[in-house]
N, C-alpha and C. Protein backbone atom coordinates (compact mmCIF):
# COMPACT_ATOMS: atom_id res chain seq x y z
N MET A 1 -43.33 -0.99 87.67
CA MET A 1 -42.46 -0.23 88.56
C MET A 1 -41.05 -0.79 88.51
N GLY A 2 -40.11 0.10 88.49
CA GLY A 2 -38.71 -0.31 88.53
C GLY A 2 -38.17 -0.30 89.94
N ASP A 3 -36.94 0.09 90.06
CA ASP A 3 -36.28 0.13 91.38
C ASP A 3 -36.16 1.57 91.90
N GLU A 4 -37.05 2.45 91.47
CA GLU A 4 -36.95 3.85 91.87
C GLU A 4 -36.82 3.99 93.38
N TYR A 5 -36.11 5.05 93.78
CA TYR A 5 -35.81 5.29 95.18
C TYR A 5 -36.03 6.78 95.42
N GLY A 6 -36.76 7.12 96.48
CA GLY A 6 -37.05 8.50 96.73
C GLY A 6 -36.87 8.92 98.15
N LEU A 7 -36.96 10.22 98.35
CA LEU A 7 -36.95 10.74 99.71
C LEU A 7 -37.61 12.10 99.75
N VAL A 8 -38.10 12.43 100.94
CA VAL A 8 -38.67 13.75 101.23
C VAL A 8 -37.85 14.32 102.37
N VAL A 9 -37.45 15.57 102.21
CA VAL A 9 -36.64 16.22 103.24
C VAL A 9 -37.34 17.53 103.60
N ARG A 10 -37.50 17.76 104.90
CA ARG A 10 -38.00 19.05 105.39
C ARG A 10 -36.86 19.78 106.07
N PHE A 11 -36.56 20.97 105.56
CA PHE A 11 -35.53 21.81 106.13
C PHE A 11 -36.21 22.95 106.88
N SER A 12 -35.76 23.19 108.11
CA SER A 12 -36.15 24.37 108.90
C SER A 12 -34.98 25.34 108.85
N LEU A 13 -35.26 26.55 108.34
CA LEU A 13 -34.22 27.52 108.11
C LEU A 13 -34.08 28.52 109.29
N ARG A 14 -32.86 28.96 109.49
CA ARG A 14 -32.63 30.02 110.50
C ARG A 14 -33.26 31.31 109.99
N PRO A 15 -33.80 32.12 110.86
CA PRO A 15 -34.36 33.41 110.42
C PRO A 15 -33.34 34.23 109.63
N GLY A 16 -33.77 34.76 108.53
CA GLY A 16 -32.92 35.59 107.68
C GLY A 16 -32.06 34.82 106.70
N CYS A 17 -32.13 33.48 106.71
CA CYS A 17 -31.28 32.65 105.82
C CYS A 17 -32.03 32.14 104.60
N GLU A 18 -33.27 32.53 104.42
CA GLU A 18 -34.09 32.01 103.33
C GLU A 18 -33.47 32.28 101.97
N ALA A 19 -33.08 33.50 101.71
CA ALA A 19 -32.54 33.86 100.38
C ALA A 19 -31.24 33.11 100.10
N ALA A 20 -30.36 33.01 101.08
CA ALA A 20 -29.10 32.31 100.89
C ALA A 20 -29.33 30.81 100.63
N PHE A 21 -30.25 30.22 101.36
CA PHE A 21 -30.59 28.81 101.16
C PHE A 21 -31.15 28.60 99.75
N ASP A 22 -32.11 29.46 99.38
CA ASP A 22 -32.73 29.32 98.06
C ASP A 22 -31.72 29.48 96.93
N GLN A 23 -30.77 30.38 97.06
CA GLN A 23 -29.74 30.56 96.06
C GLN A 23 -28.86 29.32 95.95
N LEU A 24 -28.48 28.77 97.08
CA LEU A 24 -27.69 27.53 97.11
C LEU A 24 -28.46 26.39 96.44
N VAL A 25 -29.74 26.30 96.68
CA VAL A 25 -30.58 25.28 96.05
C VAL A 25 -30.59 25.48 94.53
N LEU A 26 -30.80 26.70 94.05
CA LEU A 26 -30.85 26.95 92.62
C LEU A 26 -29.55 26.55 91.94
N GLU A 27 -28.41 26.88 92.55
CA GLU A 27 -27.13 26.53 92.00
C GLU A 27 -26.94 25.00 91.96
N THR A 28 -27.37 24.34 93.01
CA THR A 28 -27.23 22.88 93.08
C THR A 28 -28.13 22.20 92.05
N ILE A 29 -29.36 22.64 91.95
CA ILE A 29 -30.28 22.04 90.98
C ILE A 29 -29.78 22.22 89.56
N ALA A 30 -29.19 23.35 89.24
CA ALA A 30 -28.65 23.56 87.89
C ALA A 30 -27.60 22.53 87.57
N GLU A 31 -26.74 22.21 88.53
CA GLU A 31 -25.71 21.17 88.31
C GLU A 31 -26.33 19.79 88.21
N ILE A 32 -27.30 19.49 89.03
CA ILE A 32 -27.98 18.20 89.00
C ILE A 32 -28.61 17.99 87.62
N ARG A 33 -29.31 19.03 87.14
CA ARG A 33 -29.99 18.95 85.85
C ARG A 33 -29.00 18.64 84.72
N GLN A 34 -27.81 19.21 84.77
CA GLN A 34 -26.83 19.05 83.72
C GLN A 34 -26.05 17.74 83.81
N GLN A 35 -25.85 17.23 85.02
CA GLN A 35 -24.88 16.15 85.20
C GLN A 35 -25.44 14.80 85.68
N GLU A 36 -26.66 14.77 86.18
CA GLU A 36 -27.17 13.56 86.81
C GLU A 36 -28.35 12.96 86.03
N THR A 37 -28.08 12.12 85.11
CA THR A 37 -29.14 11.53 84.30
C THR A 37 -29.98 10.52 85.08
N GLU A 38 -29.47 9.97 86.14
CA GLU A 38 -30.22 8.99 86.94
C GLU A 38 -30.99 9.63 88.08
N THR A 39 -30.88 10.96 88.21
CA THR A 39 -31.73 11.70 89.15
C THR A 39 -32.97 12.09 88.35
N LEU A 40 -34.09 11.42 88.64
CA LEU A 40 -35.30 11.59 87.85
C LEU A 40 -36.06 12.84 88.20
N LEU A 41 -36.06 13.21 89.48
CA LEU A 41 -36.76 14.40 89.94
C LEU A 41 -36.08 14.93 91.19
N TYR A 42 -35.83 16.22 91.22
CA TYR A 42 -35.19 16.85 92.40
C TYR A 42 -35.83 18.23 92.47
N THR A 43 -36.72 18.40 93.42
CA THR A 43 -37.45 19.66 93.47
C THR A 43 -37.54 20.18 94.91
N CYS A 44 -37.49 21.49 95.03
CA CYS A 44 -37.59 22.17 96.32
C CYS A 44 -38.88 23.00 96.32
N HIS A 45 -39.61 22.91 97.43
CA HIS A 45 -40.85 23.66 97.57
C HIS A 45 -40.79 24.58 98.76
N ALA A 46 -41.27 25.80 98.62
CA ALA A 46 -41.52 26.67 99.75
C ALA A 46 -42.87 26.27 100.33
N VAL A 47 -43.03 26.42 101.63
CA VAL A 47 -44.26 26.03 102.31
C VAL A 47 -45.11 27.26 102.58
N HIS A 48 -46.35 27.27 102.08
CA HIS A 48 -47.25 28.40 102.30
C HIS A 48 -47.41 28.68 103.79
N GLY A 49 -47.23 29.94 104.15
CA GLY A 49 -47.41 30.36 105.53
C GLY A 49 -46.25 30.00 106.45
N ARG A 50 -45.21 29.38 105.91
CA ARG A 50 -44.04 28.98 106.72
C ARG A 50 -42.77 29.39 105.98
N PRO A 51 -42.39 30.66 106.02
CA PRO A 51 -41.20 31.10 105.26
C PRO A 51 -39.90 30.42 105.71
N ASP A 52 -39.91 29.79 106.87
CA ASP A 52 -38.73 29.12 107.36
C ASP A 52 -38.63 27.66 106.94
N GLN A 53 -39.56 27.19 106.13
CA GLN A 53 -39.61 25.79 105.75
C GLN A 53 -39.40 25.59 104.25
N ARG A 54 -38.66 24.53 103.91
CA ARG A 54 -38.50 24.09 102.54
C ARG A 54 -38.66 22.57 102.53
N ILE A 55 -39.36 22.07 101.54
CA ILE A 55 -39.53 20.63 101.41
C ILE A 55 -38.97 20.19 100.07
N PHE A 56 -38.11 19.19 100.11
CA PHE A 56 -37.53 18.62 98.90
C PHE A 56 -38.23 17.30 98.63
N TYR A 57 -38.44 17.03 97.34
CA TYR A 57 -38.82 15.67 96.92
C TYR A 57 -37.77 15.26 95.90
N GLU A 58 -37.19 14.09 96.13
CA GLU A 58 -36.15 13.57 95.26
C GLU A 58 -36.53 12.18 94.81
N LEU A 59 -36.32 11.90 93.53
CA LEU A 59 -36.57 10.56 92.99
C LEU A 59 -35.42 10.16 92.10
N TYR A 60 -34.91 8.99 92.35
CA TYR A 60 -33.75 8.47 91.63
C TYR A 60 -34.11 7.17 90.94
N ALA A 61 -33.38 6.82 89.90
CA ALA A 61 -33.63 5.60 89.15
C ALA A 61 -33.52 4.37 90.06
N ASP A 62 -32.65 4.43 91.05
CA ASP A 62 -32.48 3.33 92.00
C ASP A 62 -31.59 3.81 93.15
N ARG A 63 -31.37 2.96 94.11
CA ARG A 63 -30.56 3.32 95.29
C ARG A 63 -29.14 3.71 94.86
N GLU A 64 -28.58 3.02 93.90
CA GLU A 64 -27.23 3.33 93.43
C GLU A 64 -27.16 4.75 92.85
N ALA A 65 -28.20 5.17 92.16
CA ALA A 65 -28.25 6.53 91.59
C ALA A 65 -28.24 7.57 92.72
N PHE A 66 -28.98 7.27 93.79
CA PHE A 66 -28.98 8.16 94.96
C PHE A 66 -27.58 8.24 95.57
N GLU A 67 -26.94 7.10 95.74
CA GLU A 67 -25.60 7.08 96.31
C GLU A 67 -24.60 7.83 95.44
N ALA A 68 -24.73 7.69 94.12
CA ALA A 68 -23.86 8.44 93.20
C ALA A 68 -24.14 9.96 93.31
N HIS A 69 -25.41 10.32 93.44
CA HIS A 69 -25.78 11.71 93.63
C HIS A 69 -25.11 12.31 94.85
N GLU A 70 -25.13 11.58 95.95
CA GLU A 70 -24.55 12.07 97.21
C GLU A 70 -23.07 12.33 97.12
N GLU A 71 -22.38 11.70 96.16
CA GLU A 71 -20.92 11.85 96.01
C GLU A 71 -20.52 12.94 95.04
N GLN A 72 -21.47 13.57 94.35
CA GLN A 72 -21.14 14.61 93.37
C GLN A 72 -20.59 15.85 94.07
N PRO A 73 -19.61 16.52 93.47
CA PRO A 73 -19.03 17.73 94.08
C PRO A 73 -20.07 18.81 94.41
N HIS A 74 -21.04 19.02 93.50
CA HIS A 74 -22.06 20.05 93.77
C HIS A 74 -22.97 19.66 94.91
N VAL A 75 -23.19 18.40 95.11
CA VAL A 75 -24.03 17.94 96.25
C VAL A 75 -23.22 18.03 97.53
N ARG A 76 -21.95 17.66 97.48
CA ARG A 76 -21.09 17.77 98.67
C ARG A 76 -21.01 19.24 99.12
N ARG A 77 -20.93 20.14 98.15
CA ARG A 77 -20.94 21.58 98.46
C ARG A 77 -22.25 21.97 99.14
N PHE A 78 -23.39 21.54 98.56
CA PHE A 78 -24.70 21.83 99.12
C PHE A 78 -24.79 21.32 100.56
N LEU A 79 -24.35 20.07 100.78
CA LEU A 79 -24.45 19.46 102.09
C LEU A 79 -23.65 20.27 103.14
N SER A 80 -22.50 20.76 102.79
CA SER A 80 -21.68 21.49 103.75
C SER A 80 -22.15 22.94 103.92
N GLU A 81 -22.50 23.59 102.82
CA GLU A 81 -22.85 25.02 102.92
C GLU A 81 -24.26 25.24 103.48
N ARG A 82 -25.10 24.24 103.47
CA ARG A 82 -26.46 24.42 104.00
C ARG A 82 -26.50 24.44 105.53
N GLU A 83 -25.55 23.76 106.15
CA GLU A 83 -25.60 23.56 107.59
C GLU A 83 -25.74 24.84 108.42
N PRO A 84 -24.97 25.90 108.14
CA PRO A 84 -25.13 27.11 108.96
C PRO A 84 -26.47 27.82 108.73
N LEU A 85 -27.19 27.43 107.68
CA LEU A 85 -28.46 28.08 107.35
C LEU A 85 -29.64 27.39 107.99
N LEU A 86 -29.43 26.26 108.66
CA LEU A 86 -30.52 25.40 109.12
C LEU A 86 -30.59 25.30 110.64
N THR A 87 -31.79 25.05 111.12
CA THR A 87 -31.99 24.67 112.52
C THR A 87 -32.36 23.21 112.65
N ARG A 88 -32.88 22.62 111.57
CA ARG A 88 -33.33 21.23 111.66
C ARG A 88 -33.49 20.64 110.25
N THR A 89 -33.23 19.34 110.14
CA THR A 89 -33.44 18.59 108.90
C THR A 89 -34.13 17.28 109.24
N ASP A 90 -35.25 17.01 108.58
CA ASP A 90 -35.99 15.75 108.75
C ASP A 90 -36.06 15.06 107.41
N VAL A 91 -35.68 13.77 107.37
CA VAL A 91 -35.61 13.01 106.15
C VAL A 91 -36.45 11.75 106.26
N ASP A 92 -37.26 11.48 105.23
CA ASP A 92 -37.99 10.22 105.08
C ASP A 92 -37.55 9.58 103.78
N PHE A 93 -37.02 8.37 103.84
CA PHE A 93 -36.66 7.61 102.64
C PHE A 93 -37.89 6.84 102.18
N LEU A 94 -38.09 6.75 100.85
CA LEU A 94 -39.31 6.21 100.31
C LEU A 94 -39.05 5.13 99.25
N THR A 95 -39.96 4.19 99.16
CA THR A 95 -39.99 3.25 98.07
C THR A 95 -41.32 3.49 97.34
N PRO A 96 -41.28 4.06 96.14
CA PRO A 96 -42.52 4.37 95.43
C PRO A 96 -43.32 3.09 95.13
N LEU A 97 -44.64 3.16 95.35
CA LEU A 97 -45.51 2.05 95.00
C LEU A 97 -45.91 2.10 93.52
N ASP A 98 -46.08 3.31 93.01
CA ASP A 98 -46.43 3.51 91.61
C ASP A 98 -46.09 4.96 91.25
N ILE A 99 -45.87 5.22 90.01
CA ILE A 99 -45.53 6.56 89.53
C ILE A 99 -46.32 6.86 88.28
N ALA A 100 -46.91 8.01 88.22
CA ALA A 100 -47.56 8.51 87.01
C ALA A 100 -46.56 9.43 86.32
N TRP A 101 -46.03 9.01 85.21
CA TRP A 101 -45.11 9.83 84.44
C TRP A 101 -45.90 10.63 83.44
N PRO A 102 -46.05 11.93 83.61
CA PRO A 102 -46.92 12.73 82.75
C PRO A 102 -46.52 12.71 81.28
N LEU A 103 -45.24 12.55 80.99
CA LEU A 103 -44.82 12.58 79.60
C LEU A 103 -44.72 11.17 78.99
N ALA A 104 -44.99 10.16 79.76
CA ALA A 104 -44.82 8.78 79.28
C ALA A 104 -45.70 8.50 78.08
N SER A 105 -46.88 9.09 78.02
CA SER A 105 -47.76 8.81 76.90
C SER A 105 -47.77 9.90 75.84
N ALA A 106 -46.87 10.88 75.97
CA ALA A 106 -46.88 12.02 75.05
C ALA A 106 -46.62 11.58 73.61
N GLY A 107 -45.85 10.53 73.40
CA GLY A 107 -45.55 10.10 72.06
C GLY A 107 -46.44 8.97 71.56
N SER A 108 -47.40 8.54 72.39
CA SER A 108 -48.25 7.41 71.97
C SER A 108 -49.30 7.90 70.99
N SER A 109 -49.84 6.97 70.24
CA SER A 109 -50.84 7.33 69.23
C SER A 109 -52.22 6.82 69.62
N ASP A 110 -52.49 6.61 70.93
CA ASP A 110 -53.83 6.12 71.36
C ASP A 110 -54.88 7.11 71.03
């Protein structure tokens, strides 16, 4: 295990704001994918039976990668534009104990 740093965020959306929030997420993730090599995983999930809920799981190479992520223009935009769409945000910061990388053994010859 390295110094990976993660978090889980639960967003509660205002009624009728689901589509706008999801579009903002898609735009932000596209920028993250192109520009943030130290962001290992950044995913948003809709919650079954709870159309007002979204759960993010984020994993970074280390704490510094997370801090760099937070300063990116596309993330700053996301942070400001999401606020009117939300009623609540809950964040848990995580230290991974172990990680199964599905592609880690793809090139092995075992």
